[in-house]
Amino acid sequence: MVVLIDKRCPVHGDLALCDQGRSNGVIYRCELPADKKVEARSRVNREADNNQLLQLEEKDVVSSVATVLSDLCGPGQWMPLEKLHAELVDHCTNVWHHNRVRRYLTSEDYPGPESKGKPWYGLLVLLRKYPEHFVINTRRSKGRATLEFVSLVSLLS
């Protein structure tokens, strides 16, 4: 049984907009003053808009990558990710916004050791998010170098 009561939320400790305040089968209905509700809604709307814009941006980048791959690779062929990256830099650097270039064509947003020396690391992260479109083949050589190759799923079928 769930009972709604007006009390301070045990999760937040104050009167806050939430549905998270659950304790022993009781859901605490938290309230915010009207101006705080508007502020919270606008923040949520802004975050939703930002997420939607990021998804649209990703789809645009994925489309550009697929176009470059289909233009340069035949059926059953793989392209080194390093070469794909160079092609995208040539084709897109002057077209895309600098934030998009930084996000997908550099490793600036990825400070970890796995991205060191791989300016295409942001692109690799994006392509891994779309396994329905891209197949990534990773090969390790004897010198511990890692080589990534990419192809379109449609070119391998």
Protein backbone atom coordinates (compact mmCIF):
# COMPACT_ATOMS: atom_id res chain seq x y z
CA MET A 1 0.00 0.00 0.00
CA VAL A 2 1.27 3.45 -0.91
CA VAL A 3 0.21 6.49 1.08
CA LEU A 4 0.81 10.07 -0.03
CA ILE A 5 1.58 12.45 2.80
CA ASP A 6 2.84 16.01 2.95
CA LYS A 7 6.12 15.92 4.87
CA ARG A 8 9.70 16.78 4.31
CA CYS A 9 11.30 14.44 1.85
CA PRO A 10 13.71 12.00 3.54
CA VAL A 11 15.85 11.98 0.37
CA HIS A 12 16.23 15.74 0.03
CA GLY A 13 15.61 16.78 3.62
CA ASP A 14 13.51 19.77 2.62
CA LEU A 15 10.49 20.67 0.57
CA ALA A 16 11.65 19.89 -2.95
CA LEU A 17 10.12 18.82 -6.22
CA CYS A 18 10.64 15.09 -6.29
CA ASP A 19 9.09 11.69 -6.57
CA GLN A 20 12.13 10.05 -5.01
CA GLY A 21 11.07 10.35 -1.40
CA ARG A 22 10.10 6.76 -0.72
CA SER A 23 10.44 5.28 2.70
CA ASN A 24 8.72 2.20 4.12
CA GLY A 25 6.03 2.18 1.41
CA VAL A 26 5.29 5.89 1.86
CA ILE A 27 5.78 8.32 -1.02
CA TYR A 28 6.45 11.82 0.21
CA ARG A 29 4.78 14.45 -1.94
CA CYS A 30 7.23 17.29 -2.02
CA GLU A 31 6.20 20.76 -3.03
CA LEU A 32 8.11 23.78 -4.27
CA PRO A 33 6.99 27.38 -4.27
CA ALA A 34 5.54 28.44 -7.64
CA ASP A 35 8.64 30.38 -8.75
CA LYS A 36 10.88 27.41 -7.92
CA LYS A 37 8.58 25.09 -9.90
CA VAL A 38 8.90 27.31 -12.97
CA GLU A 39 12.68 27.43 -12.53
CA ALA A 40 12.86 23.63 -12.17
CA ARG A 41 10.64 23.09 -15.22
CA SER A 42 12.69 25.49 -17.34
CA ARG A 43 15.90 23.70 -16.28
CA VAL A 44 14.36 20.34 -17.18
CA ASN A 45 13.14 21.74 -20.52
CA ARG A 46 16.58 23.22 -21.23
CA GLU A 47 18.25 19.88 -20.47
CA ALA A 48 15.75 18.06 -22.70
CA ASP A 49 16.40 20.56 -25.50
CA ASN A 50 20.16 20.14 -25.10
CA ASN A 51 19.83 16.33 -25.22
CA GLN A 52 17.66 16.56 -28.33
CA LEU A 53 20.17 18.88 -30.02
CA LEU A 54 23.02 16.51 -29.14
CA GLN A 55 21.09 13.57 -30.62
CA LEU A 56 20.43 15.53 -33.82
CA GLU A 57 24.09 16.49 -34.00
CA GLU A 58 25.12 12.85 -33.54
CA LYS A 59 22.76 11.76 -36.32
CA ASP A 60 24.23 14.39 -38.63
CA VAL A 61 27.78 13.25 -37.86
CA VAL A 62 26.79 9.58 -38.29
CA SER A 63 25.27 10.48 -41.66
CA SER A 64 28.48 12.27 -42.73
CA VAL A 65 30.59 9.29 -41.64
CA ALA A 66 28.34 6.86 -43.51
CA THR A 67 28.55 8.99 -46.66
CA VAL A 68 32.35 9.13 -46.54
CA LEU A 69 32.59 5.38 -45.89
CA SER A 70 30.19 4.46 -48.68
CA ASP A 71 32.03 6.77 -51.11
CA LEU A 72 35.48 5.37 -50.29
CA CYS A 73 34.81 1.71 -49.48
CA GLY A 74 33.35 -1.05 -51.58
CA PRO A 75 31.42 -4.04 -50.29
CA GLY A 76 33.42 -6.03 -47.76
CA GLN A 77 36.10 -3.37 -47.40
CA TRP A 78 37.37 -1.87 -44.17
CA MET A 79 38.82 1.59 -43.67
CA PRO A 80 41.43 2.39 -41.03
CA LEU A 81 39.83 4.73 -38.51
CA GLU A 82 42.86 6.98 -38.83
CA LYS A 83 42.19 7.40 -42.57
CA LEU A 84 38.45 7.96 -42.00
CA HIS A 85 39.34 10.61 -39.46
CA ALA A 86 41.66 12.35 -41.95
CA GLU A 87 38.92 12.30 -44.61
CA LEU A 88 36.40 13.81 -42.19
CA VAL A 89 38.88 16.49 -41.14
CA ASP A 90 39.36 17.37 -44.84
CA HIS A 91 35.64 17.37 -45.64
CA CYS A 92 34.08 18.73 -42.45
CA THR A 93 36.44 21.02 -40.55
CA ASN A 94 35.36 24.09 -42.54
CA VAL A 95 31.69 23.06 -42.53
CA TRP A 96 31.04 21.90 -38.97
CA HIS A 97 30.91 24.18 -35.95
CA HIS A 98 34.17 24.15 -33.98
CA ASN A 99 32.45 22.48 -31.00
CA ARG A 100 31.39 19.59 -33.22
CA VAL A 101 34.90 19.31 -34.66
CA ARG A 102 36.33 19.28 -31.12
CA ARG A 103 33.82 16.70 -29.90
CA TYR A 104 34.16 14.18 -32.75
CA LEU A 105 37.44 14.89 -34.54
CA THR A 106 39.75 15.44 -31.58
CA SER A 107 40.42 13.63 -28.32
CA GLU A 108 40.21 16.84 -26.22
CA ASP A 109 37.06 15.70 -24.43
CA TYR A 110 38.72 12.36 -23.53
CA PRO A 111 41.74 12.98 -21.29
CA GLY A 112 42.36 9.31 -20.39
CA PRO A 113 45.32 7.19 -21.47
CA GLU A 114 43.21 5.26 -24.03
CA SER A 115 42.85 8.42 -26.14
CA LYS A 116 46.52 9.42 -26.04
CA GLY A 117 47.88 9.83 -29.56
CA LYS A 118 44.47 9.14 -31.10
CA PRO A 119 42.86 12.35 -32.35
CA TRP A 120 40.06 10.17 -33.75
CA TYR A 121 39.11 8.85 -30.31
CA GLY A 122 35.94 11.00 -30.11
CA LEU A 123 34.88 9.57 -33.46
CA LEU A 124 35.54 6.03 -32.24
CA VAL A 125 33.36 6.62 -29.16
CA LEU A 126 30.54 7.89 -31.37
CA LEU A 127 30.74 5.00 -33.84
CA ARG A 128 30.63 2.48 -30.98
CA LYS A 129 27.28 3.97 -29.95
CA TYR A 130 25.79 2.93 -33.30
CA PRO A 131 26.56 -0.78 -33.82
CA GLU A 132 23.50 -1.03 -36.07
CA HIS A 133 25.36 1.14 -38.62
CA PHE A 134 29.08 0.56 -38.04
CA VAL A 135 31.30 -2.44 -37.45
CA ILE A 136 34.61 -1.75 -35.74
CA ASN A 137 37.46 -4.20 -35.96
CA THR A 138 40.34 -3.71 -33.52
CA ARG A 139 43.71 -5.33 -34.13
CA ARG A 140 46.66 -5.32 -31.80
CA SER A 141 50.08 -5.62 -33.36
CA LYS A 142 53.16 -7.13 -31.73
CA GLY A 143 54.44 -3.66 -30.82
CA ARG A 144 51.29 -3.17 -28.73
CA ALA A 145 49.92 -0.65 -31.21
CA THR A 146 46.17 -0.85 -31.61
CA LEU A 147 44.69 -0.36 -35.06
CA GLU A 148 40.97 0.26 -35.52
CA PHE A 149 39.17 -0.41 -38.78
CA VAL A 150 35.59 0.53 -39.54
CA SER A 151 33.00 -0.46 -42.12
CA LEU A 152 29.32 0.07 -42.67
CA VAL A 153 27.09 -2.84 -41.69
CA SER A 154 25.42 -2.52 -45.10
CA LEU A 155 28.77 -3.00 -46.88
CA LEU A 156 29.47 -6.24 -45.00
CA SER A 157 26.07 -7.86 -45.45
